C-alpha atoms as a PDB file:
ATOM      1  CA  MET A   1      -0.013   0.194   0.009  1.00  0.00           C
ATOM      2  CA  ARG A   2       1.492   3.192  -0.980  1.00  0.00           C
ATOM      3  CA  GLY A   3       2.061   5.775   1.461  1.00  0.00           C
ATOM      4  CA  GLN A   4       0.846   9.331   1.512  1.00  0.00           C
ATOM      5  CA  SER A   5       2.905  12.574   1.819  1.00  0.00           C
ATOM      6  CA  LYS A   6       0.725  14.607   4.167  1.00  0.00           C
ATOM      7  CA  THR A   7       1.717  18.142   5.021  1.00  0.00           C
ATOM      8  CA  GLN A   8       0.164  19.886   7.483  1.00  0.00           C
ATOM      9  CA  ALA A   9       1.100  23.129   9.231  1.00  0.00           C
ATOM     10  CA  ALA A  10       1.803  21.957  13.427  1.00  0.00           C
ATOM     11  CA  LEU A  11      -0.412  24.065  15.912  1.00  0.00           C
ATOM     12  CA  PHE A  12       2.136  25.727  17.850  1.00  0.00           C
ATOM     13  CA  SER A  13       5.152  25.882  15.392  1.00  0.00           C
ATOM     14  CA  TYR A  14       6.575  28.857  14.980  1.00  0.00           C
ATOM     15  CA  VAL A  15       8.830  28.620  12.208  1.00  0.00           C
ATOM     16  CA  ASP A  16       7.788  28.656   8.450  1.00  0.00           C
ATOM     17  CA  LEU A  17       9.925  26.135   6.906  1.00  0.00           C
ATOM     18  CA  GLU A  18       9.402  27.524   3.427  1.00  0.00           C
ATOM     19  CA  SER A  19      10.747  31.330   4.467  1.00  0.00           C
ATOM     20  CA  ARG A  20      13.942  29.270   5.925  1.00  0.00           C
ATOM     21  CA  ILE A  21      15.000  28.618   2.426  1.00  0.00           C
ATOM     22  CA  PRO A  22      16.668  31.680   0.784  1.00  0.00           C
ATOM     23  CA  THR A  23      14.772  32.428  -2.717  1.00  0.00           C
ATOM     24  CA  SER A  24      17.778  32.410  -4.543  1.00  0.00           C
ATOM     25  CA  HIS A  25      19.138  29.288  -3.457  1.00  0.00           C
ATOM     26  CA  PRO A  26      19.813  26.729  -6.311  1.00  0.00           C
ATOM     27  CA  ILE A  27      17.953  23.851  -4.384  1.00  0.00           C
ATOM     28  CA  ARG A  28      14.676  25.550  -5.079  1.00  0.00           C
ATOM     29  CA  LYS A  29      15.200  25.461  -8.652  1.00  0.00           C
ATOM     30  CA  VAL A  30      16.182  21.699  -8.377  1.00  0.00           C
ATOM     31  CA  ARG A  31      12.760  21.365  -6.269  1.00  0.00           C
ATOM     32  CA  GLY A  32      10.984  22.885  -9.042  1.00  0.00           C
ATOM     33  CA  ILE A  33      12.279  20.197 -11.450  1.00  0.00           C
ATOM     34  CA  VAL A  34      12.061  17.110  -9.238  1.00  0.00           C
ATOM     35  CA  ASP A  35       8.233  18.302  -8.563  1.00  0.00           C
ATOM     36  CA  GLN A  36       7.689  18.072 -12.267  1.00  0.00           C
ATOM     37  CA  ALA A  37       9.389  14.756 -12.682  1.00  0.00           C
ATOM     38  CA  LEU A  38       7.365  13.424  -9.959  1.00  0.00           C
ATOM     39  CA  ILE A  39       3.977  14.602 -11.164  1.00  0.00           C
ATOM     40  CA  GLU A  40       4.882  12.639 -14.226  1.00  0.00           C
ATOM     41  CA  LEU A  41       5.722   9.553 -12.368  1.00  0.00           C
ATOM     42  CA  GLU A  42       2.437   9.768 -10.505  1.00  0.00           C
ATOM     43  CA  PRO A  43       0.774   7.077 -12.726  1.00  0.00           C
ATOM     44  CA  ALA A  44       3.701   4.759 -12.602  1.00  0.00           C
ATOM     45  CA  PHE A  45       3.665   5.014  -8.826  1.00  0.00           C
ATOM     46  CA  SER A  46      -0.044   4.110  -8.362  1.00  0.00           C
ATOM     47  CA  GLU A  47       0.253   0.982 -10.360  1.00  0.00           C
ATOM     48  CA  MET A  48       2.965  -0.555  -8.486  1.00  0.00           C
ATOM     49  CA  TYR A  49       1.657   0.016  -5.109  1.00  0.00           C
ATOM     50  CA  SER A  50      -1.217  -2.439  -3.831  1.00  0.00           C
ATOM     51  CA  ALA A  51      -4.391  -1.339  -2.381  1.00  0.00           C
ATOM     52  CA  VAL A  52      -4.162  -3.653   0.395  1.00  0.00           C
ATOM     53  CA  GLY A  53      -1.493  -4.006   3.416  1.00  0.00           C
ATOM     54  CA  ARG A  54       0.379  -1.488   5.582  1.00  0.00           C
ATOM     55  CA  PRO A  55       1.267   1.851   4.196  1.00  0.00           C
ATOM     56  CA  SER A  56       4.385   2.657   2.822  1.00  0.00           C
ATOM     57  CA  ILE A  57       6.912   5.443   2.816  1.00  0.00           C
ATOM     58  CA  PRO A  58       6.023   7.619   0.114  1.00  0.00           C
ATOM     59  CA  PRO A  59       7.893   7.146  -2.961  1.00  0.00           C
ATOM     60  CA  GLU A  60       8.482  10.675  -3.644  1.00  0.00           C
ATOM     61  CA  GLN A  61      10.086  11.322  -0.340  1.00  0.00           C
ATOM     62  CA  LEU A  62      12.376   8.449  -0.797  1.00  0.00           C
ATOM     63  CA  ILE A  63      13.527   9.739  -4.118  1.00  0.00           C
ATOM     64  CA  ARG A  64      13.877  13.309  -2.886  1.00  0.00           C
ATOM     65  CA  ALA A  65      15.924  12.053   0.099  1.00  0.00           C
ATOM     66  CA  LEU A  66      18.552   9.937  -2.180  1.00  0.00           C
ATOM     67  CA  LEU A  67      18.556  12.822  -4.415  1.00  0.00           C
ATOM     68  CA  LEU A  68      20.025  14.742  -1.307  1.00  0.00           C
ATOM     69  CA  GLN A  69      22.297  11.868  -0.563  1.00  0.00           C
ATOM     70  CA  ILE A  70      23.790  12.246  -4.216  1.00  0.00           C
ATOM     71  CA  PHE A  71      23.780  15.914  -4.234  1.00  0.00           C
ATOM     72  CA  PHE A  72      25.501  16.345  -0.881  1.00  0.00           C
ATOM     73  CA  THR A  73      27.905  13.471  -1.435  1.00  0.00           C
ATOM     74  CA  ILE A  74      26.564  11.666   1.978  1.00  0.00           C
ATOM     75  CA  ARG A  75      28.061   8.609   2.438  1.00  0.00           C
ATOM     76  CA  SER A  76      25.603   6.393   4.064  1.00  0.00           C
ATOM     77  CA  GLU A  77      21.971   6.110   4.798  1.00  0.00           C
ATOM     78  CA  ARG A  78      22.614   6.675   8.571  1.00  0.00           C
ATOM     79  CA  GLN A  79      24.141  10.077   7.808  1.00  0.00           C
ATOM     80  CA  LEU A  80      21.332  10.974   5.539  1.00  0.00           C
ATOM     81  CA  MET A  81      18.900  10.064   8.498  1.00  0.00           C
ATOM     82  CA  GLU A  82      20.872  12.268  10.546  1.00  0.00           C
ATOM     83  CA  ARG A  83      20.868  15.403   8.274  1.00  0.00           C
ATOM     84  CA  LEU A  84      17.248  14.787   7.750  1.00  0.00           C
ATOM     85  CA  ASP A  85      16.661  14.989  11.639  1.00  0.00           C
ATOM     86  CA  TYR A  86      18.373  18.461  11.939  1.00  0.00           C
ATOM     87  CA  ASP A  87      18.797  20.207   8.492  1.00  0.00           C
ATOM     88  CA  LEU A  88      15.828  22.474   7.724  1.00  0.00           C
ATOM     89  CA  MET A  89      16.706  22.441   3.904  1.00  0.00           C
ATOM     90  CA  PHE A  90      16.929  18.805   3.701  1.00  0.00           C
ATOM     91  CA  ARG A  91      13.605  18.431   5.585  1.00  0.00           C
ATOM     92  CA  TRP A  92      11.655  21.155   3.422  1.00  0.00           C
ATOM     93  CA  PHE A  93      13.425  19.208   0.136  1.00  0.00           C
ATOM     94  CA  VAL A  94      12.089  16.042   1.315  1.00  0.00           C
ATOM     95  CA  GLY A  95       8.503  17.489   1.999  1.00  0.00           C
ATOM     96  CA  LEU A  96       8.835  16.991   5.997  1.00  0.00           C
ATOM     97  CA  SER A  97       7.417  19.849   8.326  1.00  0.00           C
ATOM     98  CA  MET A  98       9.578  20.913  11.238  1.00  0.00           C
ATOM     99  CA  ASP A  99       7.726  18.605  13.554  1.00  0.00           C
ATOM    100  CA  ASP A 100       7.278  15.323  11.674  1.00  0.00           C
ATOM    101  CA  LYS A 101       9.262  12.470  12.564  1.00  0.00           C
ATOM    102  CA  CYS A 102      11.759  11.075   9.778  1.00  0.00           C
ATOM    103  CA  CYS A 103       9.457   8.426   8.225  1.00  0.00           C
ATOM    104  CA  LEU A 104      12.536   7.296   5.958  1.00  0.00           C
ATOM    105  CA  ALA A 105      14.332   5.540   9.064  1.00  0.00           C
ATOM    106  CA  GLN A 106      11.551   2.511   9.534  1.00  0.00           C
END
């Protein structure tokens, strides 16, 4: 069963993650390209996942996380999970809010 990306602002979070990433940062352009590619891959993802069973990690989040690992030459998935835990730009790129638990480490 395919997991869903759900972005919901926290009730008491005073940090807007979108405002923390500079508008001139190159990662914003990369995210736009990735967003467009993932929209085109949506039908393929829907076909691959069963309608029953335990929800998985959303494939969009996995792909975004792996792209960050490549772009920033992070040597292991453990280090990637650490960066996702404390790096705001990484959380923003993958689609996690400030208060979300990093679901990629399941």
